[in-house]
Amino acid sequence: MQATPNAFSVLSHPAPGASSGGRAANEAARPAPLLESAELLKGSKTVGIMHNGSLYRLQATKLGKLILTK
């Protein structure tokens, strides 16, 4: 079995009207950390995530998929 890498590259698509070479270009060059979903869920089916003052819910489905809702 092949080892799982500990980081992945983030693909960025510029927003309409965005200038090139900005923040997105710098972030795309740096690999993002990789987390296992089990680390986030910690044995639960649902976990709350606070982001910019809003509460989001990450939920694992019966089919093993993930749903993120606000």
N, C-alpha and C. Protein backbone atom coordinates (compact mmCIF):
# COMPACT_ATOMS: atom_id res chain seq x y z
N MET A 1 0.84 -1.18 0.00
CA MET A 1 0.00 0.00 0.00
C MET A 1 0.89 1.24 0.00
N GLN A 2 0.54 2.20 -0.80
CA GLN A 2 1.34 3.42 -0.91
C GLN A 2 1.11 4.35 0.27
N ALA A 3 2.17 5.01 0.74
CA ALA A 3 2.06 5.92 1.88
C ALA A 3 1.24 7.14 1.50
N THR A 4 0.48 7.66 2.47
CA THR A 4 -0.34 8.84 2.25
C THR A 4 0.52 10.08 2.45
N PRO A 5 0.54 11.02 1.50
CA PRO A 5 1.33 12.25 1.69
C PRO A 5 0.74 13.08 2.81
N ASN A 6 1.58 13.92 3.42
CA ASN A 6 1.10 14.73 4.55
C ASN A 6 0.72 16.14 4.13
N ALA A 7 0.69 16.44 2.85
CA ALA A 7 0.27 17.76 2.37
C ALA A 7 -0.26 17.61 0.95
N PHE A 8 -1.05 18.57 0.53
CA PHE A 8 -1.54 18.58 -0.84
C PHE A 8 -1.48 20.00 -1.37
N SER A 9 -1.48 20.16 -2.68
CA SER A 9 -1.44 21.48 -3.28
C SER A 9 -2.85 21.99 -3.47
N VAL A 10 -3.04 23.27 -3.24
CA VAL A 10 -4.34 23.90 -3.40
C VAL A 10 -4.41 24.51 -4.78
N LEU A 11 -5.44 24.16 -5.53
CA LEU A 11 -5.66 24.76 -6.84
C LEU A 11 -6.44 26.05 -6.65
N SER A 12 -5.99 27.10 -7.28
CA SER A 12 -6.71 28.36 -7.13
C SER A 12 -7.21 28.83 -8.49
N HIS A 13 -8.40 29.38 -8.46
CA HIS A 13 -9.00 29.96 -9.65
C HIS A 13 -9.30 31.40 -9.32
N PRO A 14 -8.78 32.35 -10.10
CA PRO A 14 -9.01 33.75 -9.77
C PRO A 14 -10.48 34.12 -9.88
N ALA A 15 -10.91 34.96 -8.96
CA ALA A 15 -12.28 35.45 -8.99
C ALA A 15 -12.43 36.42 -10.17
N PRO A 16 -13.64 36.55 -10.72
CA PRO A 16 -13.84 37.49 -11.82
C PRO A 16 -13.39 38.89 -11.40
N GLY A 17 -12.57 39.50 -12.24
CA GLY A 17 -12.10 40.86 -11.96
C GLY A 17 -10.88 40.91 -11.06
N ALA A 18 -10.40 39.76 -10.60
CA ALA A 18 -9.22 39.75 -9.72
C ALA A 18 -7.96 39.90 -10.55
N SER A 19 -6.99 40.61 -10.00
CA SER A 19 -5.73 40.77 -10.69
C SER A 19 -4.86 39.56 -10.44
N SER A 20 -3.99 39.23 -11.38
CA SER A 20 -3.13 38.06 -11.21
C SER A 20 -1.93 38.41 -10.35
N GLY A 21 -1.33 37.38 -9.75
CA GLY A 21 -0.13 37.59 -8.95
C GLY A 21 -0.42 38.03 -7.53
N GLY A 22 -1.66 37.98 -7.10
CA GLY A 22 -2.03 38.42 -5.76
C GLY A 22 -1.90 37.33 -4.73
N ARG A 23 -2.73 37.39 -3.70
CA ARG A 23 -2.69 36.45 -2.58
C ARG A 23 -2.90 35.01 -3.03
N ALA A 24 -3.82 34.77 -3.95
CA ALA A 24 -4.12 33.40 -4.39
C ALA A 24 -2.89 32.75 -5.03
N ALA A 25 -2.11 33.50 -5.77
CA ALA A 25 -0.92 32.95 -6.41
C ALA A 25 0.10 32.53 -5.36
N ASN A 26 0.24 33.30 -4.30
CA ASN A 26 1.18 32.95 -3.23
C ASN A 26 0.70 31.73 -2.47
N GLU A 27 -0.59 31.59 -2.20
CA GLU A 27 -1.13 30.46 -1.46
C GLU A 27 -1.03 29.17 -2.27
N ALA A 28 -1.18 29.25 -3.58
CA ALA A 28 -1.16 28.06 -4.42
C ALA A 28 0.23 27.42 -4.42
N ALA A 29 1.28 28.22 -4.26
CA ALA A 29 2.65 27.70 -4.28
C ALA A 29 2.99 26.97 -2.98
N ARG A 30 2.26 27.22 -1.91
CA ARG A 30 2.55 26.61 -0.62
C ARG A 30 1.59 25.44 -0.39
N PRO A 31 2.10 24.24 -0.08
CA PRO A 31 1.20 23.11 0.15
C PRO A 31 0.37 23.31 1.42
N ALA A 32 -0.88 22.89 1.35
CA ALA A 32 -1.79 23.00 2.50
C ALA A 32 -1.65 21.76 3.37
N PRO A 33 -1.83 21.91 4.69
CA PRO A 33 -1.75 20.73 5.56
C PRO A 33 -2.87 19.73 5.25
N LEU A 34 -2.58 18.46 5.47
CA LEU A 34 -3.55 17.39 5.21
C LEU A 34 -3.98 16.79 6.54
N LEU A 35 -5.27 16.74 6.79
CA LEU A 35 -5.83 16.14 8.00
C LEU A 35 -6.75 14.99 7.62
N GLU A 36 -6.73 13.95 8.40
CA GLU A 36 -7.69 12.86 8.23
C GLU A 36 -9.03 13.31 8.79
N SER A 37 -10.12 12.94 8.15
CA SER A 37 -11.44 13.32 8.64
C SER A 37 -11.68 12.78 10.05
N ALA A 38 -11.12 11.62 10.35
CA ALA A 38 -11.26 11.03 11.69
C ALA A 38 -10.65 11.94 12.76
N GLU A 39 -9.59 12.68 12.41
CA GLU A 39 -8.99 13.63 13.36
C GLU A 39 -9.95 14.76 13.68
N LEU A 40 -10.70 15.20 12.68
CA LEU A 40 -11.66 16.29 12.89
C LEU A 40 -12.91 15.81 13.62
N LEU A 41 -13.41 14.65 13.22
CA LEU A 41 -14.67 14.15 13.77
C LEU A 41 -14.50 13.49 15.14
N LYS A 42 -13.33 12.93 15.42
CA LYS A 42 -13.02 12.30 16.71
C LYS A 42 -14.10 11.32 17.17
N GLY A 43 -14.51 10.42 16.28
CA GLY A 43 -15.49 9.40 16.62
C GLY A 43 -16.95 9.83 16.52
N SER A 44 -17.20 11.09 16.24
CA SER A 44 -18.56 11.60 16.12
C SER A 44 -18.96 11.65 14.65
N LYS A 45 -20.24 11.77 14.39
CA LYS A 45 -20.72 11.91 13.00
C LYS A 45 -20.73 13.38 12.56
N THR A 46 -20.74 14.30 13.53
CA THR A 46 -20.85 15.73 13.23
C THR A 46 -19.90 16.52 14.12
N VAL A 47 -19.33 17.57 13.56
CA VAL A 47 -18.48 18.48 14.33
C VAL A 47 -18.78 19.92 13.89
N GLY A 48 -18.77 20.84 14.85
CA GLY A 48 -18.97 22.25 14.54
C GLY A 48 -17.63 22.92 14.27
N ILE A 49 -17.62 23.84 13.30
CA ILE A 49 -16.42 24.57 12.94
C ILE A 49 -16.75 26.06 12.91
N MET A 50 -16.06 26.86 13.72
CA MET A 50 -16.24 28.31 13.69
C MET A 50 -15.30 28.88 12.63
N HIS A 51 -15.85 29.70 11.73
CA HIS A 51 -15.05 30.33 10.67
C HIS A 51 -15.55 31.74 10.45
N ASN A 52 -14.69 32.71 10.69
CA ASN A 52 -15.04 34.13 10.52
C ASN A 52 -16.33 34.51 11.25
N GLY A 53 -16.48 33.99 12.46
CA GLY A 53 -17.65 34.34 13.27
C GLY A 53 -18.92 33.57 12.94
N SER A 54 -18.86 32.66 11.99
CA SER A 54 -20.03 31.85 11.63
C SER A 54 -19.78 30.39 12.00
N LEU A 55 -20.85 29.72 12.41
CA LEU A 55 -20.76 28.31 12.76
C LEU A 55 -21.12 27.45 11.55
N TYR A 56 -20.23 26.52 11.21
CA TYR A 56 -20.45 25.57 10.13
C TYR A 56 -20.53 24.19 10.75
N ARG A 57 -21.17 23.25 10.06
CA ARG A 57 -21.28 21.88 10.53
C ARG A 57 -20.69 20.95 9.48
N LEU A 58 -19.72 20.12 9.91
CA LEU A 58 -19.14 19.09 9.05
C LEU A 58 -19.75 17.77 9.48
N GLN A 59 -20.40 17.08 8.55
CA GLN A 59 -21.13 15.86 8.87
C GLN A 59 -20.69 14.72 7.96
N ALA A 60 -20.46 13.55 8.55
CA ALA A 60 -20.16 12.34 7.79
C ALA A 60 -21.47 11.61 7.50
N THR A 61 -21.66 11.21 6.26
CA THR A 61 -22.88 10.50 5.87
C THR A 61 -22.71 8.99 6.05
N LYS A 62 -23.80 8.26 5.93
CA LYS A 62 -23.77 6.80 6.02
C LYS A 62 -22.93 6.18 4.90
N LEU A 63 -22.84 6.89 3.77
CA LEU A 63 -22.07 6.39 2.63
C LEU A 63 -20.61 6.81 2.67
N GLY A 64 -20.19 7.46 3.76
CA GLY A 64 -18.79 7.84 3.91
C GLY A 64 -18.41 9.14 3.25
N LYS A 65 -19.38 9.94 2.88
CA LYS A 65 -19.10 11.25 2.27
C LYS A 65 -19.15 12.32 3.37
N LEU A 66 -18.64 13.51 3.05
CA LEU A 66 -18.67 14.64 3.99
C LEU A 66 -19.54 15.75 3.44
N ILE A 67 -20.31 16.37 4.33
CA ILE A 67 -21.16 17.51 3.98
C ILE A 67 -20.79 18.66 4.90
N LEU A 68 -20.52 19.82 4.34
CA LEU A 68 -20.24 21.03 5.12
C LEU A 68 -21.38 22.01 4.89
N THR A 69 -22.08 22.39 5.97
CA THR A 69 -23.20 23.31 5.86
C THR A 69 -23.01 24.48 6.82
N LYS A 70 -23.62 25.60 6.49
CA LYS A 70 -23.57 26.80 7.31
C LYS A 70 -24.80 26.87 8.17
